[in-house]
């Protein structure tokens, strides 16, 4: 199917395998994260270069915070330095940066860097980069319901009225990034075939691609192969599509 008939508007990437790559190569976990950051920048640049307007990356799940403190602190530091480097480049490329997740529990200095990145790129309209950080899909949906119920209580909205108001569009308005479009395609590296609590509300009809490559090994060639795989698929969104079979008499 051609790209025009099957546009890729929102790409999600689950970047798995940094620690295993480091262990396989006899390197520190920190080296694995650092290499992964370099690969992320390369792949993101290629995605935007190919006209993918929305890209979401799974940088840190809320469950990942249970890893050793030294690893988490290094990752926080790496992300903060990456943000500070990325801002000016994002401004030049027209990329709007938005972090999603439980950001209030992050170190204050990191929160300030995140806020700075969002503030300085908020007027960019060419591309959107969503960074899932300390994020969990189930928690996002739970928070959404809590917010709706809290607002209804504060405004003395009855259960019957609230029930009649709730729709997909109404629900979307209470997510971390209400403007985020549904995912079209999700790439996961590292060999595991699961979505790991990633953007559960937005992944409903996404095409999935699982790569055996560890994230630091994921090259532009692998990325292009994944893109080719996506554009070869026929997306039906749950609909039945009748196909006419031509017979040669």
Protein backbone atom coordinates (compact mmCIF):
# COMPACT_ATOMS: atom_id res chain seq x y z
CA UNK A 1 0.00 0.00 0.00
CA UNK A 2 1.32 3.42 -0.87
CA UNK A 3 2.36 5.98 1.72
CA UNK A 4 -0.36 8.39 0.54
CA UNK A 5 -3.12 5.85 1.22
CA UNK A 6 -1.62 4.64 4.46
CA UNK A 7 -0.05 7.67 6.20
CA UNK A 8 2.10 7.26 9.27
CA UNK A 9 1.11 10.19 11.45
CA UNK A 10 2.13 8.91 14.90
CA UNK A 11 5.04 6.57 15.58
CA UNK A 12 5.73 5.07 19.00
CA UNK A 13 9.09 3.59 19.97
CA UNK A 14 9.77 1.31 22.95
CA UNK A 15 13.54 1.51 23.26
CA UNK A 16 14.40 -1.73 25.04
CA UNK A 17 17.76 -3.44 25.48
CA UNK A 18 20.23 -0.79 26.71
CA UNK A 19 21.28 -2.74 29.80
CA UNK A 20 21.50 -6.08 28.00
CA UNK A 21 23.62 -4.49 25.28
CA UNK A 22 26.01 -3.12 27.89
CA UNK A 23 26.27 -6.50 29.62
CA UNK A 24 26.80 -8.31 26.31
CA UNK A 25 29.67 -5.98 25.45
CA UNK A 26 31.27 -5.98 28.90
CA UNK A 27 30.38 -2.33 29.51
CA UNK A 28 28.76 -0.46 32.37
CA UNK A 29 25.01 0.08 32.41
CA UNK A 30 25.71 3.80 32.11
CA UNK A 31 27.53 3.17 28.81
CA UNK A 32 24.46 1.33 27.58
CA UNK A 33 22.17 4.24 28.39
CA UNK A 34 24.59 6.71 26.78
CA UNK A 35 24.78 4.66 23.58
CA UNK A 36 20.99 4.35 23.59
CA UNK A 37 20.65 8.14 23.77
CA UNK A 38 22.84 8.53 20.68
CA UNK A 39 20.73 6.00 18.76
CA UNK A 40 17.54 7.75 19.88
CA UNK A 41 18.73 11.06 18.48
CA UNK A 42 19.64 9.42 15.15
CA UNK A 43 16.30 7.62 14.79
CA UNK A 44 14.26 10.66 15.83
CA UNK A 45 16.02 12.83 13.29
CA UNK A 46 15.33 10.26 10.57
CA UNK A 47 11.67 9.97 11.57
CA UNK A 48 11.13 13.72 11.31
CA UNK A 49 13.16 13.84 8.10
CA UNK A 50 10.71 11.31 6.65
CA UNK A 51 7.74 13.49 7.55
CA UNK A 52 6.41 11.61 10.58
CA UNK A 53 4.71 14.49 12.42
CA UNK A 54 4.26 12.81 15.81
CA UNK A 55 6.75 10.55 17.58
CA UNK A 56 6.41 9.14 21.10
CA UNK A 57 9.34 7.50 22.84
CA UNK A 58 9.14 5.35 25.98
CA UNK A 59 12.07 6.65 27.96
CA UNK A 60 11.26 5.44 31.48
CA UNK A 61 8.30 3.49 32.81
CA UNK A 62 7.03 4.05 36.34
CA UNK A 63 8.04 0.45 37.08
CA UNK A 64 11.63 1.22 36.03
CA UNK A 65 12.04 3.43 39.11
CA UNK A 66 12.51 0.24 41.14
CA UNK A 67 15.88 -0.29 39.48
CA UNK A 68 19.10 0.47 41.43
CA UNK A 69 19.26 4.10 42.55
CA UNK A 70 22.63 4.68 40.88
CA UNK A 71 21.18 3.69 37.48
CA UNK A 72 18.11 5.90 37.90
CA UNK A 73 20.17 8.89 39.03
CA UNK A 74 22.46 8.49 36.01
CA UNK A 75 19.44 8.28 33.71
CA UNK A 76 18.00 11.45 35.26
CA UNK A 77 21.32 13.22 34.68
CA UNK A 78 21.55 11.91 31.10
CA UNK A 79 18.03 13.05 30.28
CA UNK A 80 18.63 16.48 31.77
CA UNK A 81 21.78 17.05 29.71
CA UNK A 82 20.01 15.67 26.62
CA UNK A 83 17.13 18.12 27.10
CA UNK A 84 19.45 21.09 27.36
CA UNK A 85 21.21 20.07 24.13
CA UNK A 86 17.97 19.25 22.34
CA UNK A 87 16.14 22.55 22.91
CA UNK A 88 18.01 24.65 20.34
CA UNK A 89 17.98 21.83 17.79
CA UNK A 90 14.24 21.38 18.30
CA UNK A 91 13.66 25.09 17.75
CA UNK A 92 15.51 24.90 14.43
CA UNK A 93 13.62 21.79 13.32
CA UNK A 94 10.20 23.01 14.47
CA UNK A 95 9.79 20.22 17.04
CA UNK A 96 7.46 20.73 19.98
CA UNK A 97 8.53 18.73 23.05
CA UNK A 98 5.99 17.36 25.52
CA UNK A 99 6.76 15.09 28.49
CA UNK A 100 4.02 12.77 29.77
CA UNK A 101 3.98 10.81 33.02
CA UNK A 102 4.20 11.41 36.75
CA UNK A 103 6.62 14.32 36.53
CA UNK A 104 5.92 15.76 40.00
CA UNK A 105 8.01 13.06 41.71
CA UNK A 106 11.14 13.78 39.63
CA UNK A 107 14.10 15.78 41.01
CA UNK A 108 13.43 19.54 40.98
CA UNK A 109 16.31 20.32 38.64
CA UNK A 110 15.00 17.78 36.11
CA UNK A 111 11.47 19.15 36.42
CA UNK A 112 12.80 22.64 35.64
CA UNK A 113 14.66 21.37 32.56
CA UNK A 114 11.51 19.60 31.34
CA UNK A 115 9.43 22.73 31.88
CA UNK A 116 12.02 24.83 30.05
CA UNK A 117 12.00 22.46 27.06
CA UNK A 118 8.21 22.53 26.88
CA UNK A 119 7.99 26.31 27.30
CA UNK A 120 10.64 27.13 24.71
CA UNK A 121 9.25 24.77 22.05
CA UNK A 122 5.51 25.21 22.67
CA UNK A 123 5.02 27.42 19.61
CA UNK A 124 6.61 24.89 17.24
CA UNK A 125 4.05 23.32 14.94
CA UNK A 126 5.94 21.19 12.43
CA UNK A 127 6.59 18.10 14.57
CA UNK A 128 5.63 16.80 18.03
CA UNK A 129 7.93 14.75 20.24
CA UNK A 130 6.19 13.07 23.18
CA UNK A 131 8.51 11.71 25.85
CA UNK A 132 6.95 9.11 28.17
CA UNK A 133 8.97 9.48 31.36
CA UNK A 134 8.07 7.90 34.70
CA UNK A 135 5.02 6.85 32.72
CA UNK A 136 2.47 4.05 33.04
CA UNK A 137 -0.49 3.59 30.72
CA UNK A 138 -2.79 2.14 33.39
CA UNK A 139 -1.96 5.00 35.74
CA UNK A 140 -2.73 7.56 33.03
CA UNK A 141 -6.18 6.06 32.50
CA UNK A 142 -6.78 5.87 36.26
CA UNK A 143 -5.72 9.51 36.67
CA UNK A 144 -8.09 10.43 33.86
CA UNK A 145 -11.06 8.90 35.67
CA UNK A 146 -10.05 10.51 38.96
CA UNK A 147 -9.84 13.93 37.30
CA UNK A 148 -13.26 13.53 35.67
CA UNK A 149 -14.86 12.45 38.96
CA UNK A 150 -13.14 15.22 40.91
CA UNK A 151 -14.26 17.88 38.42
CA UNK A 152 -17.81 16.52 38.51
CA UNK A 153 -17.83 16.67 42.32
CA UNK A 154 -16.46 20.24 42.43
CA UNK A 155 -19.02 21.41 39.88
CA UNK A 156 -21.86 19.44 41.48
CA UNK A 157 -22.44 17.43 38.32
CA UNK A 158 -24.73 14.45 38.85
CA UNK A 159 -23.68 10.92 37.97
CA UNK A 160 -26.34 10.81 35.26
CA UNK A 161 -25.05 14.01 33.66
CA UNK A 162 -21.43 12.88 33.88
CA UNK A 163 -22.34 9.51 32.38
CA UNK A 164 -24.02 11.22 29.43
CA UNK A 165 -20.97 13.47 28.90
CA UNK A 166 -18.37 10.72 28.79
CA UNK A 167 -17.22 9.86 25.28
CA UNK A 168 -13.92 9.09 23.59
CA UNK A 169 -13.39 12.80 22.88
CA UNK A 170 -14.31 13.78 26.44
CA UNK A 171 -11.95 11.15 27.83
CA UNK A 172 -9.12 12.32 25.56
CA UNK A 173 -9.39 15.83 27.03
CA UNK A 174 -8.29 14.52 30.43
CA UNK A 175 -5.19 12.58 29.31
CA UNK A 176 -1.62 13.83 29.81
CA UNK A 177 -1.53 15.15 26.23
CA UNK A 178 -5.12 15.71 25.02
CA UNK A 179 -3.98 16.71 21.54
CA UNK A 180 -1.99 13.51 20.97
CA UNK A 181 -3.32 11.51 17.98
CA UNK A 182 -3.81 7.76 18.10
CA UNK A 183 -0.73 5.67 17.43
CA UNK A 184 -0.37 4.27 13.94
CA UNK A 185 2.76 2.19 14.40
CA UNK A 186 4.82 1.01 17.38
CA UNK A 187 8.37 -0.33 17.15
CA UNK A 188 9.76 -2.29 20.07
CA UNK A 189 13.37 -3.40 20.16
CA UNK A 190 15.02 -5.96 22.42
CA UNK A 191 13.20 -9.12 21.35
CA UNK A 192 10.28 -9.05 23.78
CA UNK A 193 6.79 -9.15 22.27
CA UNK A 194 4.74 -6.97 24.60
CA UNK A 195 3.74 -3.31 24.90
CA UNK A 196 4.73 -2.87 28.57
CA UNK A 197 1.99 -0.43 29.62
CA UNK A 198 2.83 2.03 26.81
CA UNK A 199 0.11 4.52 25.76
CA UNK A 200 -2.68 2.00 26.32
CA UNK A 201 -5.48 4.38 25.33
CA UNK A 202 -3.76 5.44 22.11
CA UNK A 203 -2.47 2.06 20.94
CA UNK A 204 -5.87 0.51 20.18
CA UNK A 205 -5.42 0.09 16.40
CA UNK A 206 -1.66 0.55 16.09
CA UNK A 207 0.38 -1.82 13.97
CA UNK A 208 3.13 -3.46 16.03
CA UNK A 209 6.67 -4.32 14.98
CA UNK A 210 9.01 -6.31 17.24
CA UNK A 211 12.73 -6.25 16.52
CA UNK A 212 15.25 -8.68 17.99
CA UNK A 213 17.89 -5.95 17.91
CA UNK A 214 18.85 -4.39 21.23
CA UNK A 215 18.20 -0.66 21.15
CA UNK A 216 21.88 0.45 20.95
CA UNK A 217 22.23 -1.88 17.92
CA UNK A 218 19.20 -0.45 16.12
CA UNK A 219 20.42 1.29 12.96
CA UNK A 220 18.86 3.41 10.24
CA UNK A 221 18.76 0.27 8.10
CA UNK A 222 16.64 -1.47 10.75
CA UNK A 223 14.42 1.60 11.00
CA UNK A 224 13.84 1.71 7.25
CA UNK A 225 13.03 -2.02 7.25
CA UNK A 226 10.42 -1.40 9.94
CA UNK A 227 8.93 1.46 7.92
CA UNK A 228 8.73 -0.75 4.85
CA UNK A 229 6.94 -3.36 6.94
CA UNK A 230 4.38 -0.77 8.08
CA UNK A 231 3.63 0.51 4.60
CA UNK A 232 3.14 -3.04 3.34
CA UNK A 233 0.25 -3.60 5.73
CA UNK A 234 -3.41 -2.97 5.03
CA UNK A 235 -5.02 -1.29 8.02
CA UNK A 236 -8.72 -2.06 8.47
CA UNK A 237 -9.32 -0.61 11.97
CA UNK A 238 -11.57 -3.56 12.76
CA UNK A 239 -13.69 -3.18 9.61
CA UNK A 240 -14.38 -5.98 7.17
CA UNK A 241 -13.00 -5.15 3.74
CA UNK A 242 -14.33 -7.17 0.84
CA UNK A 243 -11.79 -8.01 -1.83
CA UNK A 244 -12.79 -8.79 -5.41
CA UNK A 245 -10.92 -11.72 -6.89
CA UNK A 246 -10.51 -11.47 -10.64
CA UNK A 247 -10.82 -14.75 -12.55
CA UNK A 248 -9.22 -15.30 -15.91
CA UNK A 249 -11.59 -17.22 -18.18
